[in-house]
């Protein structure tokens, strides 16, 4: 139920969707009984859309979250490496049963880099289907295809394909670790996602060392404007979704602090 509700909520909470709904609601209110409230909502949406889409404000805000957890000193002999799925797809309209890299594919690349550095460590890639109706190929399928394309085999990588969110990543990986749960384990995920991930894995009893990657915020450059509205709203999506995720996980007891670090 938590998974389904989170997907429905996010449809309305996505920043551009929310602003467009705000503008539409404001216009309707201005035509009916609350003209002042309606006009205020329309103006607020009209100001927010260029503020987020035409300036580097999303970069500034996202950077604050990305720097929350810094890369820690790596232990000399980690028990294993945990890579959280993200940025990989096994299907597209033009090709199926393959692999397609997206922004967060840095996670897999960093995991393979660490595996080369620590060949004795276990490497677990965790990521199933995040689709609300559960159709398609789990992200582990794409990861397996990509690794085999690069190396000719699985490189000993273990795959966990049932998890649909960060909490399930932690729960199912903890079950896979068995007697190795004490760690230390290297935890690889996007920098913006690291606080929530740390909180979840600590909650299930794993000793993890953060290895953030996939930094999204661009360097701030005067006069702090950009013409890439679509990309700036993608950054706002990342930021807002993660902040809602942190709040929801804290309220439901999946993490012990609002911003684990």
Protein backbone atom coordinates (compact mmCIF):
# COMPACT_ATOMS: atom_id res chain seq x y z
CA UNK A 1 0.00 0.00 0.00
CA UNK A 2 2.86 2.39 0.86
CA UNK A 3 4.38 1.81 -2.59
CA UNK A 4 1.10 2.46 -4.44
CA UNK A 5 0.25 5.57 -2.40
CA UNK A 6 3.72 6.99 -3.00
CA UNK A 7 3.29 6.63 -6.77
CA UNK A 8 -0.15 8.29 -6.79
CA UNK A 9 1.04 11.11 -4.54
CA UNK A 10 4.07 11.77 -6.71
CA UNK A 11 1.91 12.27 -9.81
CA UNK A 12 0.38 15.34 -8.17
CA UNK A 13 3.49 16.46 -6.26
CA UNK A 14 5.83 16.54 -9.26
CA UNK A 15 6.85 20.24 -9.37
CA UNK A 16 5.72 21.14 -12.88
CA UNK A 17 2.49 19.14 -12.49
CA UNK A 18 1.82 20.82 -9.14
CA UNK A 19 2.42 24.32 -10.56
CA UNK A 20 0.20 23.71 -13.57
CA UNK A 21 -2.54 22.33 -11.31
CA UNK A 22 -2.11 25.36 -9.08
CA UNK A 23 -2.52 27.71 -12.05
CA UNK A 24 -5.58 25.83 -13.30
CA UNK A 25 -7.17 25.74 -9.86
CA UNK A 26 -6.43 29.44 -9.39
CA UNK A 27 -8.04 30.30 -12.72
CA UNK A 28 -11.17 28.33 -11.79
CA UNK A 29 -11.36 29.97 -8.37
CA UNK A 30 -10.93 33.42 -9.91
CA UNK A 31 -13.93 32.72 -12.14
CA UNK A 32 -16.11 31.64 -9.22
CA UNK A 33 -16.39 32.72 -5.59
CA UNK A 34 -12.77 33.34 -4.59
CA UNK A 35 -11.26 35.71 -7.20
CA UNK A 36 -8.54 37.09 -4.90
CA UNK A 37 -7.30 33.65 -3.85
CA UNK A 38 -7.49 32.43 -7.44
CA UNK A 39 -5.46 35.33 -8.81
CA UNK A 40 -2.84 34.83 -6.09
CA UNK A 41 -2.44 31.17 -7.06
CA UNK A 42 -2.07 32.03 -10.74
CA UNK A 43 0.55 34.70 -9.99
CA UNK A 44 2.46 32.34 -7.69
CA UNK A 45 2.59 29.67 -10.39
CA UNK A 46 3.58 32.23 -13.02
CA UNK A 47 6.50 33.39 -10.86
CA UNK A 48 7.63 29.91 -9.76
CA UNK A 49 7.82 28.37 -13.24
CA UNK A 50 10.49 30.77 -14.61
CA UNK A 51 12.23 30.94 -11.22
CA UNK A 52 12.83 27.19 -11.28
CA UNK A 53 13.10 26.74 -15.04
CA UNK A 54 15.23 29.71 -16.10
CA UNK A 55 17.62 30.12 -13.17
CA UNK A 56 20.12 27.95 -11.30
CA UNK A 57 17.95 27.86 -8.20
CA UNK A 58 17.40 24.08 -8.64
CA UNK A 59 21.18 23.58 -8.75
CA UNK A 60 21.66 25.58 -5.56
CA UNK A 61 18.98 23.66 -3.69
CA UNK A 62 20.02 20.23 -4.98
CA UNK A 63 23.66 20.91 -4.10
CA UNK A 64 22.70 21.37 -0.44
CA UNK A 65 21.29 17.83 -0.39
CA UNK A 66 24.13 16.30 -2.41
CA UNK A 67 26.78 17.56 -0.02
CA UNK A 68 24.97 16.21 3.06
CA UNK A 69 27.01 12.99 2.96
CA UNK A 70 30.63 13.16 1.82
CA UNK A 71 32.65 10.25 0.50
CA UNK A 72 34.13 8.47 3.52
CA UNK A 73 37.55 6.85 3.78
CA UNK A 74 37.25 3.38 2.32
CA UNK A 75 38.05 0.46 4.63
CA UNK A 76 41.00 -1.70 3.53
CA UNK A 77 38.94 -4.91 3.34
CA UNK A 78 35.21 -4.31 2.92
CA UNK A 79 32.90 -7.30 3.18
CA UNK A 80 31.08 -6.22 0.09
CA UNK A 81 29.69 -3.54 -2.19
CA UNK A 82 26.00 -2.69 -2.46
CA UNK A 83 24.88 -0.84 -5.59
CA UNK A 84 21.36 0.58 -5.61
CA UNK A 85 19.61 0.39 -8.95
CA UNK A 86 18.91 3.52 -10.92
CA UNK A 87 19.53 4.81 -14.42
CA UNK A 88 19.27 1.45 -16.18
CA UNK A 89 16.48 0.07 -18.31
CA UNK A 90 16.19 -3.26 -20.08
CA UNK A 91 13.45 -2.19 -22.46
CA UNK A 92 12.62 0.60 -24.87
CA UNK A 93 10.17 1.01 -27.73
CA UNK A 94 12.91 0.22 -30.23
CA UNK A 95 14.76 -2.58 -28.45
CA UNK A 96 13.99 -5.13 -25.77
CA UNK A 97 16.09 -7.47 -23.71
CA UNK A 98 19.11 -5.18 -23.65
CA UNK A 99 20.45 -2.31 -21.56
CA UNK A 100 20.01 1.46 -21.75
CA UNK A 101 22.05 3.82 -19.57
CA UNK A 102 20.49 6.88 -17.93
CA UNK A 103 21.81 9.54 -15.57
CA UNK A 104 22.05 7.35 -12.47
CA UNK A 105 24.00 4.63 -14.29
CA UNK A 106 27.07 6.12 -12.56
CA UNK A 107 26.04 3.85 -9.68
CA UNK A 108 26.77 0.63 -11.56
CA UNK A 109 30.01 2.01 -13.01
CA UNK A 110 31.23 3.05 -9.55
CA UNK A 111 30.30 -0.38 -8.19
CA UNK A 112 32.33 -2.14 -10.87
CA UNK A 113 35.24 0.24 -10.23
CA UNK A 114 35.15 -0.68 -6.53
CA UNK A 115 34.93 -4.38 -7.39
CA UNK A 116 38.17 -4.05 -9.36
CA UNK A 117 39.76 -2.29 -6.38
CA UNK A 118 38.46 -4.89 -3.91
CA UNK A 119 38.17 -8.16 -5.89
CA UNK A 120 37.55 -10.22 -2.73
CA UNK A 121 34.42 -8.23 -1.85
CA UNK A 122 30.92 -9.39 -2.74
CA UNK A 123 29.05 -7.11 -5.12
CA UNK A 124 25.26 -6.95 -4.82
CA UNK A 125 23.19 -4.99 -7.32
CA UNK A 126 19.67 -4.34 -6.02
CA UNK A 127 16.78 -3.02 -8.08
CA UNK A 128 13.48 -4.46 -9.24
CA UNK A 129 10.45 -2.98 -10.95
CA UNK A 130 9.34 0.47 -9.82
CA UNK A 131 6.32 0.45 -12.12
CA UNK A 132 3.07 0.62 -10.18
CA UNK A 133 1.53 -2.29 -12.10
CA UNK A 134 4.69 -4.38 -12.01
CA UNK A 135 5.12 -4.91 -15.76
CA UNK A 136 8.39 -5.07 -17.63
CA UNK A 137 11.89 -6.33 -16.92
CA UNK A 138 13.56 -5.67 -13.52
CA UNK A 139 16.53 -3.33 -13.56
CA UNK A 140 18.77 -6.24 -12.61
CA UNK A 141 18.12 -7.61 -16.11
CA UNK A 142 19.64 -4.52 -17.68
CA UNK A 143 22.57 -4.58 -15.24
CA UNK A 144 23.30 -8.22 -16.05
CA UNK A 145 23.21 -7.52 -19.79
CA UNK A 146 25.54 -4.52 -19.41
CA UNK A 147 28.08 -6.41 -17.28
CA UNK A 148 28.10 -9.37 -19.65
CA UNK A 149 28.56 -7.05 -22.62
CA UNK A 150 31.61 -5.50 -20.93
CA UNK A 151 33.23 -8.59 -19.40
CA UNK A 152 31.71 -11.65 -21.03
CA UNK A 153 30.34 -12.93 -17.71
CA UNK A 154 28.62 -11.70 -14.52
CA UNK A 155 31.90 -10.94 -12.70
CA UNK A 156 30.44 -12.72 -9.67
CA UNK A 157 27.83 -9.97 -9.19
CA UNK A 158 24.79 -11.00 -7.13
CA UNK A 159 21.42 -9.61 -8.20
CA UNK A 160 18.40 -8.75 -6.06
CA UNK A 161 15.38 -8.12 -8.27
CA UNK A 162 12.35 -7.97 -5.92
CA UNK A 163 12.80 -4.53 -4.36
CA UNK A 164 10.67 -1.63 -5.60
CA UNK A 165 11.96 1.20 -3.37
CA UNK A 166 14.86 2.11 -1.10
CA UNK A 167 13.40 0.44 1.98
CA UNK A 168 12.93 -2.84 0.14
CA UNK A 169 16.48 -2.51 -1.21
CA UNK A 170 17.72 -2.53 2.36
CA UNK A 171 15.43 -5.32 3.60
CA UNK A 172 16.17 -7.76 0.78
CA UNK A 173 19.91 -7.06 0.68
CA UNK A 174 20.17 -7.61 4.44
CA UNK A 175 18.65 -11.05 3.92
CA UNK A 176 21.21 -11.81 1.23
CA UNK A 177 24.19 -10.81 3.36
CA UNK A 178 23.67 -13.59 5.93
CA UNK A 179 26.61 -13.76 8.31
CA UNK A 180 28.32 -10.83 6.60
CA UNK A 181 25.80 -8.29 7.91
CA UNK A 182 28.33 -6.71 10.31
CA UNK A 183 30.23 -5.29 7.36
CA UNK A 184 31.67 -2.94 6.56
CA UNK A 185 29.80 -2.72 3.27
CA UNK A 186 30.34 0.00 0.70
CA UNK A 187 27.01 1.61 -0.20
CA UNK A 188 26.87 3.10 -3.69
CA UNK A 189 24.04 5.36 -4.79
CA UNK A 190 23.42 8.88 -6.08
CA UNK A 191 24.64 11.69 -3.82
CA UNK A 192 21.14 13.16 -3.42
CA UNK A 193 19.81 9.70 -2.47
CA UNK A 194 22.56 8.82 0.01
CA UNK A 195 21.00 10.22 3.25
CA UNK A 196 17.81 8.17 2.89
CA UNK A 197 19.75 5.10 1.76
CA UNK A 198 22.12 5.29 4.73
CA UNK A 199 19.17 5.58 7.09
CA UNK A 200 17.43 2.53 5.63
CA UNK A 201 20.46 0.24 5.60
CA UNK A 202 21.43 1.23 9.13
CA UNK A 203 17.84 0.59 10.23
CA UNK A 204 17.99 -3.04 9.05
CA UNK A 205 21.29 -3.56 10.86
CA UNK A 206 23.92 -3.27 8.14
CA UNK A 207 27.19 -1.43 8.71
CA UNK A 208 27.62 0.68 5.59
CA UNK A 209 30.20 3.17 4.35
CA UNK A 210 28.80 5.80 1.94
CA UNK A 211 30.21 6.07 -1.57
CA UNK A 212 28.08 8.78 -3.23
CA UNK A 213 28.13 9.23 -6.99
CA UNK A 214 25.94 10.64 -9.78
CA UNK A 215 26.12 14.29 -8.76
CA UNK A 216 23.43 16.29 -10.59
CA UNK A 217 23.84 19.95 -9.51
CA UNK A 218 25.78 22.08 -11.99
CA UNK A 219 28.44 24.57 -10.92
CA UNK A 220 26.90 27.95 -10.09
CA UNK A 221 27.97 30.51 -12.69
CA UNK A 222 27.05 34.19 -12.79
CA UNK A 223 24.48 35.41 -13.79
CA UNK A 224 22.91 32.10 -12.63
CA UNK A 225 20.48 31.79 -15.54
CA UNK A 226 19.84 28.97 -17.98
CA UNK A 227 17.60 28.36 -20.94
CA UNK A 228 17.18 24.65 -20.26
CA UNK A 229 13.76 24.66 -18.60
CA UNK A 230 13.22 20.92 -19.00
CA UNK A 231 16.53 19.98 -17.37
CA UNK A 232 16.04 22.40 -14.48
CA UNK A 233 12.63 20.93 -13.72
CA UNK A 234 14.15 17.44 -13.84
CA UNK A 235 16.49 18.59 -11.06
CA UNK A 236 13.53 19.95 -9.13
CA UNK A 237 11.82 16.58 -9.56
CA UNK A 238 14.85 14.86 -8.05
CA UNK A 239 15.04 17.29 -5.13
CA UNK A 240 11.34 17.42 -4.26
CA UNK A 241 10.85 13.67 -4.61
CA UNK A 242 13.79 12.97 -2.32
CA UNK A 243 12.62 15.46 0.30
CA UNK A 244 9.15 13.90 0.32
CA UNK A 245 10.80 10.48 0.52
CA UNK A 246 12.86 11.50 3.54
CA UNK A 247 9.79 12.88 5.29
CA UNK A 248 7.66 9.81 4.52
CA UNK A 249 10.38 7.39 5.63
CA UNK A 250 10.92 9.31 8.86
CA UNK A 251 7.19 9.39 9.67
CA UNK A 252 6.85 5.66 9.00
CA UNK A 253 9.93 4.71 11.02
CA UNK A 254 12.06 3.50 8.12
CA UNK A 255 14.84 5.95 9.05
CA UNK A 256 15.77 7.35 12.47
CA UNK A 257 16.51 10.94 11.42
CA UNK A 258 15.06 13.30 8.85
CA UNK A 259 18.46 13.79 7.23
CA UNK A 260 20.75 10.86 8.07
CA UNK A 261 24.40 11.65 7.61
